[in-house]
Each structure stands twice: as C-alpha cells, then as structure tokens.
C-alpha atoms as a PDB file:
ATOM      1  CA  UNK A   1     -35.616 -90.817  36.622  1.00  0.00           C
ATOM      2  CA  UNK A   2     -32.685 -89.430  38.588  1.00  0.00           C
ATOM      3  CA  UNK A   3     -29.933 -87.373  37.110  1.00  0.00           C
ATOM      4  CA  UNK A   4     -26.359 -87.528  38.278  1.00  0.00           C
ATOM      5  CA  UNK A   5     -25.788 -83.834  38.535  1.00  0.00           C
ATOM      6  CA  UNK A   6     -22.419 -82.809  39.915  1.00  0.00           C
ATOM      7  CA  UNK A   7     -22.472 -81.459  43.451  1.00  0.00           C
ATOM      8  CA  UNK A   8     -20.434 -78.308  44.117  1.00  0.00           C
ATOM      9  CA  UNK A   9     -17.431 -79.071  46.296  1.00  0.00           C
ATOM     10  CA  UNK A  10     -18.446 -76.390  48.803  1.00  0.00           C
ATOM     11  CA  UNK A  11     -21.690 -78.313  49.385  1.00  0.00           C
ATOM     12  CA  UNK A  12     -19.767 -81.507  50.005  1.00  0.00           C
ATOM     13  CA  UNK A  13     -17.321 -79.784  52.353  1.00  0.00           C
ATOM     14  CA  UNK A  14     -20.079 -78.087  54.311  1.00  0.00           C
ATOM     15  CA  UNK A  15     -21.682 -81.457  55.134  1.00  0.00           C
ATOM     16  CA  UNK A  16     -21.786 -82.486  58.779  1.00  0.00           C
ATOM     17  CA  UNK A  17     -18.523 -84.390  59.299  1.00  0.00           C
ATOM     18  CA  UNK A  18     -16.517 -82.840  56.500  1.00  0.00           C
ATOM     19  CA  UNK A  19     -17.798 -79.408  57.425  1.00  0.00           C
ATOM     20  CA  UNK A  20     -16.579 -79.851  60.989  1.00  0.00           C
ATOM     21  CA  UNK A  21     -13.197 -81.049  59.820  1.00  0.00           C
ATOM     22  CA  UNK A  22     -12.740 -78.211  57.343  1.00  0.00           C
ATOM     23  CA  UNK A  23     -13.758 -75.700  60.025  1.00  0.00           C
ATOM     24  CA  UNK A  24     -11.162 -77.152  62.434  1.00  0.00           C
ATOM     25  CA  UNK A  25      -8.475 -77.028  59.742  1.00  0.00           C
ATOM     26  CA  UNK A  26      -9.358 -73.418  58.966  1.00  0.00           C
ATOM     27  CA  UNK A  27      -9.229 -72.498  62.664  1.00  0.00           C
ATOM     28  CA  UNK A  28      -5.877 -74.249  63.100  1.00  0.00           C
ATOM     29  CA  UNK A  29      -4.443 -72.418  60.081  1.00  0.00           C
ATOM     30  CA  UNK A  30      -5.611 -69.094  61.490  1.00  0.00           C
ATOM     31  CA  UNK A  31      -4.126 -69.968  64.878  1.00  0.00           C
ATOM     32  CA  UNK A  32      -0.773 -70.814  63.294  1.00  0.00           C
ATOM     33  CA  UNK A  33      -0.790 -67.470  61.456  1.00  0.00           C
ATOM     34  CA  UNK A  34      -1.478 -65.581  64.690  1.00  0.00           C
ATOM     35  CA  UNK A  35       1.160 -67.496  66.639  1.00  0.00           C
ATOM     36  CA  UNK A  36       3.788 -66.774  63.978  1.00  0.00           C
ATOM     37  CA  UNK A  37       3.312 -63.079  64.759  1.00  0.00           C
ATOM     38  CA  UNK A  38       4.787 -63.519  68.257  1.00  0.00           C
ATOM     39  CA  UNK A  39       7.874 -65.326  66.963  1.00  0.00           C
ATOM     40  CA  UNK A  40      11.045 -63.765  65.587  1.00  0.00           C
ATOM     41  CA  UNK A  41      11.089 -63.424  61.809  1.00  0.00           C
ATOM     42  CA  UNK A  42      13.774 -66.092  61.442  1.00  0.00           C
ATOM     43  CA  UNK A  43      11.552 -68.724  63.118  1.00  0.00           C
ATOM     44  CA  UNK A  44       8.096 -67.823  61.749  1.00  0.00           C
ATOM     45  CA  UNK A  45       8.204 -69.759  58.501  1.00  0.00           C
ATOM     46  CA  UNK A  46       9.197 -72.940  60.319  1.00  0.00           C
ATOM     47  CA  UNK A  47       6.002 -73.136  62.389  1.00  0.00           C
ATOM     48  CA  UNK A  48       3.859 -75.207  60.046  1.00  0.00           C
ATOM     49  CA  UNK A  49       0.709 -75.775  62.067  1.00  0.00           C
ATOM     50  CA  UNK A  50      -0.917 -75.336  65.460  1.00  0.00           C
ATOM     51  CA  UNK A  51      -3.682 -77.154  67.293  1.00  0.00           C
ATOM     52  CA  UNK A  52      -5.252 -76.916  70.733  1.00  0.00           C
ATOM     53  CA  UNK A  53      -6.638 -79.968  72.466  1.00  0.00           C
ATOM     54  CA  UNK A  54      -7.712 -79.805  76.100  1.00  0.00           C
ATOM     55  CA  UNK A  55      -5.033 -77.696  77.788  1.00  0.00           C
ATOM     56  CA  UNK A  56      -2.236 -78.380  75.302  1.00  0.00           C
ATOM     57  CA  UNK A  57      -1.054 -76.363  72.339  1.00  0.00           C
ATOM     58  CA  UNK A  58       0.715 -78.508  69.759  1.00  0.00           C
ATOM     59  CA  UNK A  59       2.840 -76.763  67.163  1.00  0.00           C
ATOM     60  CA  UNK A  60       4.602 -78.430  64.277  1.00  0.00           C
ATOM     61  CA  UNK A  61       7.986 -77.457  62.877  1.00  0.00           C
ATOM     62  CA  UNK A  62       9.565 -78.463  59.588  1.00  0.00           C
ATOM     63  CA  UNK A  63      12.856 -79.703  61.046  1.00  0.00           C
ATOM     64  CA  UNK A  64      14.185 -80.896  64.390  1.00  0.00           C
ATOM     65  CA  UNK A  65      16.540 -77.917  64.648  1.00  0.00           C
ATOM     66  CA  UNK A  66      13.641 -75.482  64.221  1.00  0.00           C
ATOM     67  CA  UNK A  67      11.539 -77.462  66.684  1.00  0.00           C
ATOM     68  CA  UNK A  68      14.305 -76.955  69.239  1.00  0.00           C
ATOM     69  CA  UNK A  69      14.276 -73.209  68.542  1.00  0.00           C
ATOM     70  CA  UNK A  70      10.478 -73.102  68.856  1.00  0.00           C
ATOM     71  CA  UNK A  71      10.762 -74.654  72.321  1.00  0.00           C
ATOM     72  CA  UNK A  72      12.654 -71.536  73.445  1.00  0.00           C
ATOM     73  CA  UNK A  73       9.513 -69.484  72.702  1.00  0.00           C
ATOM     74  CA  UNK A  74       7.094 -71.588  74.762  1.00  0.00           C
ATOM     75  CA  UNK A  75       6.354 -68.733  77.175  1.00  0.00           C
ATOM     76  CA  UNK A  76       5.574 -66.352  74.295  1.00  0.00           C
ATOM     77  CA  UNK A  77       3.230 -68.922  72.740  1.00  0.00           C
ATOM     78  CA  UNK A  78       1.480 -69.581  76.069  1.00  0.00           C
ATOM     79  CA  UNK A  79       1.106 -65.849  76.684  1.00  0.00           C
ATOM     80  CA  UNK A  80      -0.353 -65.315  73.217  1.00  0.00           C
ATOM     81  CA  UNK A  81      -2.872 -68.095  73.787  1.00  0.00           C
ATOM     82  CA  UNK A  82      -4.028 -66.489  77.032  1.00  0.00           C
ATOM     83  CA  UNK A  83      -3.990 -62.831  76.003  1.00  0.00           C
ATOM     84  CA  UNK A  84      -4.742 -62.846  72.285  1.00  0.00           C
ATOM     85  CA  UNK A  85      -6.933 -65.940  72.038  1.00  0.00           C
ATOM     86  CA  UNK A  86      -8.480 -66.102  75.520  1.00  0.00           C
ATOM     87  CA  UNK A  87      -7.639 -69.806  75.745  1.00  0.00           C
ATOM     88  CA  UNK A  88      -6.239 -71.604  78.772  1.00  0.00           C
ATOM     89  CA  UNK A  89      -3.268 -73.628  77.663  1.00  0.00           C
ATOM     90  CA  UNK A  90      -0.908 -75.082  80.252  1.00  0.00           C
ATOM     91  CA  UNK A  91       1.652 -76.752  78.048  1.00  0.00           C
ATOM     92  CA  UNK A  92       3.144 -76.651  74.597  1.00  0.00           C
ATOM     93  CA  UNK A  93       4.204 -79.699  72.604  1.00  0.00           C
ATOM     94  CA  UNK A  94       6.468 -79.222  69.630  1.00  0.00           C
ATOM     95  CA  UNK A  95       6.371 -81.851  66.924  1.00  0.00           C
ATOM     96  CA  UNK A  96       8.412 -82.293  63.760  1.00  0.00           C
ATOM     97  CA  UNK A  97       6.892 -82.913  60.359  1.00  0.00           C
ATOM     98  CA  UNK A  98       9.690 -83.210  57.853  1.00  0.00           C
ATOM     99  CA  UNK A  99       9.109 -81.818  54.395  1.00  0.00           C
ATOM    100  CA  UNK A 100       7.896 -84.244  51.804  1.00  0.00           C
ATOM    101  CA  UNK A 101      10.618 -86.002  49.871  1.00  0.00           C
ATOM    102  CA  UNK A 102       9.816 -84.766  46.382  1.00  0.00           C
ATOM    103  CA  UNK A 103      12.043 -87.428  44.775  1.00  0.00           C
ATOM    104  CA  UNK A 104      10.240 -90.245  46.609  1.00  0.00           C
ATOM    105  CA  UNK A 105       6.915 -89.043  45.259  1.00  0.00           C
ATOM    106  CA  UNK A 106       8.131 -89.490  41.670  1.00  0.00           C
ATOM    107  CA  UNK A 107       9.894 -92.854  42.070  1.00  0.00           C
ATOM    108  CA  UNK A 108       8.375 -95.960  40.621  1.00  0.00           C
ATOM    109  CA  UNK A 109       8.715 -99.332  42.282  1.00  0.00           C
END
C-alpha cells in the first residue's frame, strides 16, 4: 500500500528540470543585484532583471523612460560583465516589463 506523503517543496524544486530553472533564476537575480551596483542610485531600482545568453546581456526596466536611461549606462554594464563577472558580452539589450496592473488583477469579467 502506498501513502501519499507530501513532498517538501525544496525536493520538488531541486529536481532535474525545475532545479535547473530555479538555479538560472537565482543566478539572474544575483546578476541583477551586482549590475545595480554600477548604476547611479536613481536608476538602480528600475533594473528589474538581467540575463546573459550567448554574447548578449539583456536587462529589463520597469518603464520605457527608465529603459532609455539604462541605455546610457551600456558601457558600464559591459565593463562590469567583463571585469566583475569574467563574462564576454558584446551587446546589451534593454527591455521593458511594465508593472502589473493591480486593478486588472481584481476585476471580474
């Protein structure tokens, strides 16, 4: 007879595919934290995430205006990737992820 014992979430998340995804998310969060350190204080909070794929660093801002400001710091971000992270990145892409519309989440259809 089998029992349906609950499985701790850490065991589920450390599984092969989920474990790899959670590790990548953790690494991307750490990268974003480190990259914020090279930005001026006024811009830091607007860098939401960072990811490296091939030779491209992709950073995400919370608004188009802040994305435009982040583009001014491309050389600082590239330098940080090379010096602080020992990664070869040749270009930076800046994306916008608008904040969630809190009202839309509570609307009923």
